[in-house]
N, C-alpha and C. Protein backbone atom coordinates (compact mmCIF):
# COMPACT_ATOMS: atom_id res chain seq x y z
N MET A 1 22.09 -0.23 -7.08
CA MET A 1 22.05 0.60 -5.89
C MET A 1 21.01 1.71 -6.04
N ARG A 2 20.96 2.30 -7.21
CA ARG A 2 19.99 3.37 -7.47
C ARG A 2 18.56 2.86 -7.32
N THR A 3 18.35 1.63 -7.77
CA THR A 3 17.02 1.05 -7.70
C THR A 3 16.58 0.84 -6.25
N ILE A 4 17.51 0.46 -5.39
CA ILE A 4 17.18 0.26 -3.99
C ILE A 4 16.76 1.59 -3.36
N LYS A 5 17.46 2.67 -3.71
CA LYS A 5 17.08 3.99 -3.20
C LYS A 5 15.70 4.40 -3.68
N VAL A 6 15.43 4.13 -4.95
CA VAL A 6 14.13 4.49 -5.53
C VAL A 6 13.02 3.71 -4.84
N LEU A 7 13.21 2.40 -4.66
CA LEU A 7 12.19 1.60 -3.98
C LEU A 7 12.04 2.01 -2.52
N GLY A 8 13.14 2.29 -1.86
CA GLY A 8 13.07 2.74 -0.47
C GLY A 8 12.30 4.03 -0.32
N ARG A 9 12.57 4.97 -1.24
CA ARG A 9 11.86 6.25 -1.20
C ARG A 9 10.37 6.07 -1.48
N SER A 10 10.06 5.23 -2.47
CA SER A 10 8.64 5.02 -2.80
C SER A 10 7.91 4.34 -1.64
N LEU A 11 8.57 3.41 -0.97
CA LEU A 11 7.94 2.75 0.17
C LEU A 11 7.77 3.71 1.35
N LEU A 12 8.76 4.54 1.58
CA LEU A 12 8.66 5.52 2.66
C LEU A 12 7.46 6.46 2.43
N VAL A 13 7.36 6.97 1.22
CA VAL A 13 6.24 7.86 0.89
C VAL A 13 4.92 7.10 1.00
N SER A 14 4.89 5.86 0.53
CA SER A 14 3.65 5.07 0.61
C SER A 14 3.20 4.88 2.04
N TYR A 15 4.13 4.57 2.93
CA TYR A 15 3.75 4.35 4.32
C TYR A 15 3.40 5.65 5.03
N LEU A 16 4.07 6.74 4.70
CA LEU A 16 3.69 8.03 5.28
C LEU A 16 2.29 8.44 4.85
N LEU A 17 1.98 8.22 3.57
CA LEU A 17 0.63 8.51 3.08
C LEU A 17 -0.40 7.59 3.73
N SER A 18 -0.04 6.33 3.92
CA SER A 18 -0.96 5.41 4.59
C SER A 18 -1.27 5.89 5.99
N ALA A 19 -0.24 6.34 6.71
CA ALA A 19 -0.46 6.83 8.07
C ALA A 19 -1.40 8.04 8.05
N LEU A 20 -1.18 8.94 7.12
CA LEU A 20 -2.02 10.13 7.01
C LEU A 20 -3.46 9.74 6.67
N PHE A 21 -3.63 8.93 5.64
CA PHE A 21 -4.97 8.55 5.20
C PHE A 21 -5.71 7.71 6.25
N LEU A 22 -4.99 6.82 6.95
CA LEU A 22 -5.64 6.02 7.99
C LEU A 22 -6.04 6.89 9.18
N THR A 23 -5.26 7.91 9.46
CA THR A 23 -5.64 8.86 10.52
C THR A 23 -6.92 9.60 10.13
N LEU A 24 -6.99 10.03 8.87
CA LEU A 24 -8.20 10.70 8.39
C LEU A 24 -9.40 9.76 8.42
N LEU A 25 -9.17 8.51 8.08
CA LEU A 25 -10.25 7.52 8.12
C LEU A 25 -10.72 7.30 9.57
N ALA A 26 -9.79 7.26 10.50
CA ALA A 26 -10.16 7.10 11.91
C ALA A 26 -10.97 8.30 12.38
N LEU A 27 -10.59 9.50 11.96
CA LEU A 27 -11.36 10.69 12.33
C LEU A 27 -12.76 10.63 11.73
N ALA A 28 -12.86 10.18 10.49
CA ALA A 28 -14.17 10.04 9.85
C ALA A 28 -15.01 8.99 10.58
N LEU A 29 -14.38 7.92 11.00
CA LEU A 29 -15.09 6.87 11.75
C LEU A 29 -15.62 7.45 13.05
N PHE A 30 -14.81 8.23 13.72
CA PHE A 30 -15.22 8.83 14.99
C PHE A 30 -16.34 9.84 14.79
N GLN A 31 -16.24 10.69 13.78
CA GLN A 31 -17.21 11.76 13.57
C GLN A 31 -18.51 11.27 12.95
N MET A 32 -18.42 10.34 11.99
CA MET A 32 -19.60 9.95 11.21
C MET A 32 -20.15 8.59 11.59
N LYS A 33 -19.50 7.90 12.50
CA LYS A 33 -19.95 6.57 12.91
C LYS A 33 -20.16 5.67 11.70
N LEU A 34 -19.10 5.50 10.93
CA LEU A 34 -19.16 4.69 9.71
C LEU A 34 -19.40 3.23 10.03
N SER A 35 -20.02 2.53 9.10
CA SER A 35 -20.26 1.10 9.27
C SER A 35 -18.95 0.34 9.07
N PRO A 36 -18.87 -0.88 9.62
CA PRO A 36 -17.65 -1.68 9.44
C PRO A 36 -17.30 -1.93 7.97
N SER A 37 -18.30 -2.09 7.12
CA SER A 37 -18.01 -2.33 5.71
C SER A 37 -17.44 -1.07 5.05
N ALA A 38 -17.90 0.10 5.47
CA ALA A 38 -17.35 1.35 4.94
C ALA A 38 -15.91 1.53 5.39
N VAL A 39 -15.62 1.19 6.63
CA VAL A 39 -14.25 1.29 7.14
C VAL A 39 -13.34 0.31 6.40
N SER A 40 -13.82 -0.90 6.20
CA SER A 40 -13.04 -1.90 5.48
C SER A 40 -12.74 -1.44 4.05
N GLY A 41 -13.74 -0.90 3.39
CA GLY A 41 -13.53 -0.36 2.05
C GLY A 41 -12.57 0.81 2.04
N GLY A 42 -12.64 1.64 3.08
CA GLY A 42 -11.72 2.76 3.21
C GLY A 42 -10.29 2.30 3.39
N VAL A 43 -10.09 1.24 4.18
CA VAL A 43 -8.74 0.71 4.38
C VAL A 43 -8.20 0.15 3.07
N TYR A 44 -9.02 -0.56 2.31
CA TYR A 44 -8.58 -1.06 1.00
C TYR A 44 -8.23 0.10 0.07
N ALA A 45 -9.03 1.16 0.12
CA ALA A 45 -8.74 2.33 -0.72
C ALA A 45 -7.42 2.98 -0.31
N VAL A 46 -7.15 3.03 0.99
CA VAL A 46 -5.87 3.58 1.46
C VAL A 46 -4.71 2.74 0.94
N TYR A 47 -4.83 1.43 1.03
CA TYR A 47 -3.77 0.55 0.50
C TYR A 47 -3.57 0.81 -0.99
N GLY A 48 -4.67 0.86 -1.72
CA GLY A 48 -4.58 1.05 -3.17
C GLY A 48 -3.97 2.39 -3.54
N LEU A 49 -4.43 3.46 -2.92
CA LEU A 49 -3.92 4.79 -3.24
C LEU A 49 -2.44 4.91 -2.86
N SER A 50 -2.09 4.38 -1.71
CA SER A 50 -0.69 4.44 -1.27
C SER A 50 0.22 3.66 -2.22
N CYS A 51 -0.22 2.48 -2.63
CA CYS A 51 0.59 1.69 -3.56
C CYS A 51 0.64 2.32 -4.94
N PHE A 52 -0.45 2.94 -5.36
CA PHE A 52 -0.46 3.64 -6.65
C PHE A 52 0.58 4.75 -6.66
N ILE A 53 0.58 5.58 -5.63
CA ILE A 53 1.53 6.69 -5.56
C ILE A 53 2.95 6.16 -5.43
N GLY A 54 3.14 5.10 -4.64
CA GLY A 54 4.45 4.48 -4.56
C GLY A 54 4.90 3.93 -5.90
N GLY A 55 3.98 3.36 -6.67
CA GLY A 55 4.30 2.85 -8.01
C GLY A 55 4.69 3.97 -8.96
N VAL A 56 3.99 5.10 -8.87
CA VAL A 56 4.34 6.26 -9.70
C VAL A 56 5.77 6.72 -9.37
N LEU A 57 6.08 6.82 -8.09
CA LEU A 57 7.42 7.26 -7.69
C LEU A 57 8.49 6.26 -8.11
N ALA A 58 8.20 4.97 -7.95
CA ALA A 58 9.16 3.95 -8.35
C ALA A 58 9.37 3.96 -9.86
N GLY A 59 8.29 4.13 -10.62
CA GLY A 59 8.40 4.17 -12.07
C GLY A 59 9.17 5.37 -12.56
N LYS A 60 8.89 6.54 -11.99
CA LYS A 60 9.60 7.75 -12.38
C LYS A 60 11.08 7.65 -12.05
N GLY A 61 11.37 7.12 -10.88
CA GLY A 61 12.76 7.02 -10.43
C GLY A 61 13.57 6.01 -11.20
N SER A 62 12.93 4.94 -11.66
CA SER A 62 13.67 3.88 -12.35
C SER A 62 13.99 4.25 -13.79
N GLY A 63 13.07 4.92 -14.45
CA GLY A 63 13.31 5.33 -15.84
C GLY A 63 12.99 4.26 -16.87
N SER A 64 13.25 3.00 -16.57
CA SER A 64 12.93 1.93 -17.51
C SER A 64 12.21 0.82 -16.76
N ARG A 65 11.45 0.02 -17.48
CA ARG A 65 10.65 -1.06 -16.90
C ARG A 65 9.82 -0.55 -15.73
N ARG A 66 9.16 0.58 -15.99
CA ARG A 66 8.43 1.26 -14.92
C ARG A 66 7.34 0.40 -14.31
N PHE A 67 6.62 -0.36 -15.13
CA PHE A 67 5.55 -1.20 -14.59
C PHE A 67 6.13 -2.24 -13.62
N PHE A 68 7.31 -2.78 -13.94
CA PHE A 68 7.95 -3.77 -13.09
C PHE A 68 8.32 -3.18 -11.73
N TRP A 69 8.89 -1.98 -11.75
CA TRP A 69 9.29 -1.36 -10.48
C TRP A 69 8.07 -0.89 -9.69
N GLY A 70 7.01 -0.53 -10.37
CA GLY A 70 5.76 -0.24 -9.68
C GLY A 70 5.21 -1.49 -9.00
N LEU A 71 5.26 -2.61 -9.72
CA LEU A 71 4.84 -3.89 -9.16
C LEU A 71 5.69 -4.24 -7.94
N CYS A 72 6.99 -4.08 -8.05
CA CYS A 72 7.89 -4.37 -6.93
C CYS A 72 7.56 -3.50 -5.72
N SER A 73 7.26 -2.24 -5.97
CA SER A 73 6.90 -1.34 -4.88
C SER A 73 5.62 -1.82 -4.19
N GLY A 74 4.61 -2.19 -4.96
CA GLY A 74 3.36 -2.69 -4.38
C GLY A 74 3.55 -3.99 -3.62
N LEU A 75 4.35 -4.89 -4.17
CA LEU A 75 4.60 -6.17 -3.50
C LEU A 75 5.38 -5.98 -2.20
N LEU A 76 6.39 -5.12 -2.24
CA LEU A 76 7.16 -4.85 -1.02
C LEU A 76 6.29 -4.19 0.05
N TYR A 77 5.42 -3.29 -0.38
CA TYR A 77 4.48 -2.66 0.55
C TYR A 77 3.66 -3.74 1.25
N PHE A 78 3.11 -4.67 0.48
CA PHE A 78 2.30 -5.74 1.05
C PHE A 78 3.13 -6.63 1.97
N LEU A 79 4.33 -7.02 1.53
CA LEU A 79 5.15 -7.92 2.34
C LEU A 79 5.53 -7.29 3.68
N ILE A 80 5.88 -6.01 3.66
CA ILE A 80 6.23 -5.33 4.91
C ILE A 80 4.99 -5.21 5.80
N LEU A 81 3.86 -4.91 5.20
CA LEU A 81 2.60 -4.81 5.95
C LEU A 81 2.26 -6.14 6.61
N ALA A 82 2.36 -7.23 5.87
CA ALA A 82 2.05 -8.56 6.40
C ALA A 82 3.06 -8.97 7.46
N LEU A 83 4.34 -8.68 7.23
CA LEU A 83 5.38 -9.02 8.20
C LEU A 83 5.18 -8.27 9.52
N MET A 84 4.90 -6.98 9.42
CA MET A 84 4.68 -6.19 10.63
C MET A 84 3.44 -6.67 11.39
N SER A 85 2.40 -7.00 10.67
CA SER A 85 1.19 -7.53 11.30
C SER A 85 1.50 -8.83 12.03
N PHE A 86 2.27 -9.68 11.39
CA PHE A 86 2.63 -10.96 12.00
C PHE A 86 3.49 -10.75 13.24
N LEU A 87 4.48 -9.86 13.15
CA LEU A 87 5.37 -9.62 14.28
C LEU A 87 4.65 -8.97 15.46
N LEU A 88 3.72 -8.07 15.18
CA LEU A 88 3.02 -7.38 16.26
C LEU A 88 1.91 -8.22 16.88
N ASN A 89 1.26 -9.06 16.09
CA ASN A 89 0.11 -9.83 16.57
C ASN A 89 0.41 -11.30 16.83
N GLY A 90 1.54 -11.78 16.35
CA GLY A 90 1.85 -13.19 16.48
C GLY A 90 1.13 -14.05 15.45
N SER A 91 0.31 -13.43 14.64
CA SER A 91 -0.39 -14.11 13.55
C SER A 91 -0.75 -13.04 12.51
N LEU A 92 -1.34 -13.49 11.43
CA LEU A 92 -1.75 -12.53 10.40
C LEU A 92 -3.13 -11.97 10.69
N GLY A 93 -3.69 -12.30 11.82
CA GLY A 93 -4.96 -11.73 12.24
C GLY A 93 -6.14 -12.56 11.77
N GLU A 94 -7.29 -12.12 12.21
CA GLU A 94 -8.51 -12.84 11.86
C GLU A 94 -8.93 -12.61 10.42
N ASP A 95 -8.36 -11.62 9.78
CA ASP A 95 -8.68 -11.32 8.38
C ASP A 95 -7.69 -11.94 7.42
N SER A 96 -7.01 -13.01 7.81
CA SER A 96 -5.99 -13.60 6.94
C SER A 96 -6.60 -14.14 5.65
N GLY A 97 -7.88 -14.40 5.63
CA GLY A 97 -8.53 -14.84 4.40
C GLY A 97 -8.59 -13.74 3.35
N ARG A 98 -8.40 -12.50 3.77
CA ARG A 98 -8.43 -11.37 2.84
C ARG A 98 -7.04 -11.02 2.30
N LEU A 99 -6.03 -11.75 2.73
CA LEU A 99 -4.66 -11.46 2.27
C LEU A 99 -4.51 -11.51 0.75
N PRO A 100 -5.11 -12.51 0.07
CA PRO A 100 -4.98 -12.50 -1.40
C PRO A 100 -5.59 -11.25 -2.03
N LEU A 101 -6.70 -10.77 -1.48
CA LEU A 101 -7.33 -9.56 -1.99
C LEU A 101 -6.40 -8.36 -1.77
N ILE A 102 -5.84 -8.24 -0.58
CA ILE A 102 -4.95 -7.12 -0.28
C ILE A 102 -3.69 -7.21 -1.14
N LEU A 103 -3.15 -8.40 -1.31
CA LEU A 103 -1.99 -8.58 -2.19
C LEU A 103 -2.32 -8.13 -3.61
N GLY A 104 -3.49 -8.51 -4.10
CA GLY A 104 -3.91 -8.11 -5.45
C GLY A 104 -4.06 -6.61 -5.58
N ILE A 105 -4.65 -5.98 -4.57
CA ILE A 105 -4.82 -4.52 -4.60
C ILE A 105 -3.46 -3.83 -4.64
N CYS A 106 -2.56 -4.25 -3.75
CA CYS A 106 -1.24 -3.62 -3.68
C CYS A 106 -0.46 -3.82 -4.98
N ALA A 107 -0.46 -5.05 -5.49
CA ALA A 107 0.29 -5.34 -6.71
C ALA A 107 -0.29 -4.60 -7.91
N ALA A 108 -1.60 -4.64 -8.05
CA ALA A 108 -2.24 -4.00 -9.21
C ALA A 108 -2.07 -2.48 -9.17
N CYS A 109 -2.30 -1.89 -8.03
CA CYS A 109 -2.20 -0.42 -7.94
C CYS A 109 -0.76 0.04 -8.12
N GLY A 110 0.20 -0.70 -7.57
CA GLY A 110 1.60 -0.35 -7.79
C GLY A 110 1.99 -0.45 -9.26
N THR A 111 1.51 -1.49 -9.92
CA THR A 111 1.81 -1.69 -11.34
C THR A 111 1.20 -0.57 -12.19
N VAL A 112 -0.06 -0.26 -11.94
CA VAL A 112 -0.72 0.82 -12.69
C VAL A 112 0.00 2.15 -12.44
N GLY A 113 0.38 2.41 -11.21
CA GLY A 113 1.13 3.63 -10.91
C GLY A 113 2.44 3.68 -11.67
N GLY A 114 3.14 2.55 -11.74
CA GLY A 114 4.38 2.50 -12.50
C GLY A 114 4.14 2.73 -13.99
N MET A 115 3.06 2.18 -14.51
CA MET A 115 2.77 2.33 -15.95
C MET A 115 2.41 3.77 -16.28
N ILE A 116 1.73 4.46 -15.38
CA ILE A 116 1.30 5.84 -15.64
C ILE A 116 2.44 6.82 -15.50
N SER A 117 3.45 6.44 -14.69
CA SER A 117 4.54 7.40 -14.42
C SER A 117 5.29 7.82 -15.66
């Protein structure tokens, strides 16, 4: 039960940070007229940073097997992101070929965050 609370809290913080960082990225896009590749890189960075911080929180909260709980946090972040995209769009979108990359970013950053915690 404690682990579910820890993962829930880490996911909540991860998604709140994602919302904040994506808002800042949108403002930067509006102000600086960023290229599509810069925006895409920024979105990947937001995913990575959010999963990293979520992994740190999951690792600290779990106390043991921190890398595993960081990995779980990153994977759950990705699964919820993909599920919401599917439910809202009826598909995984035109960028579905990038899903393995996004999965790797989320899993790796969550794991590293858990290991550092």
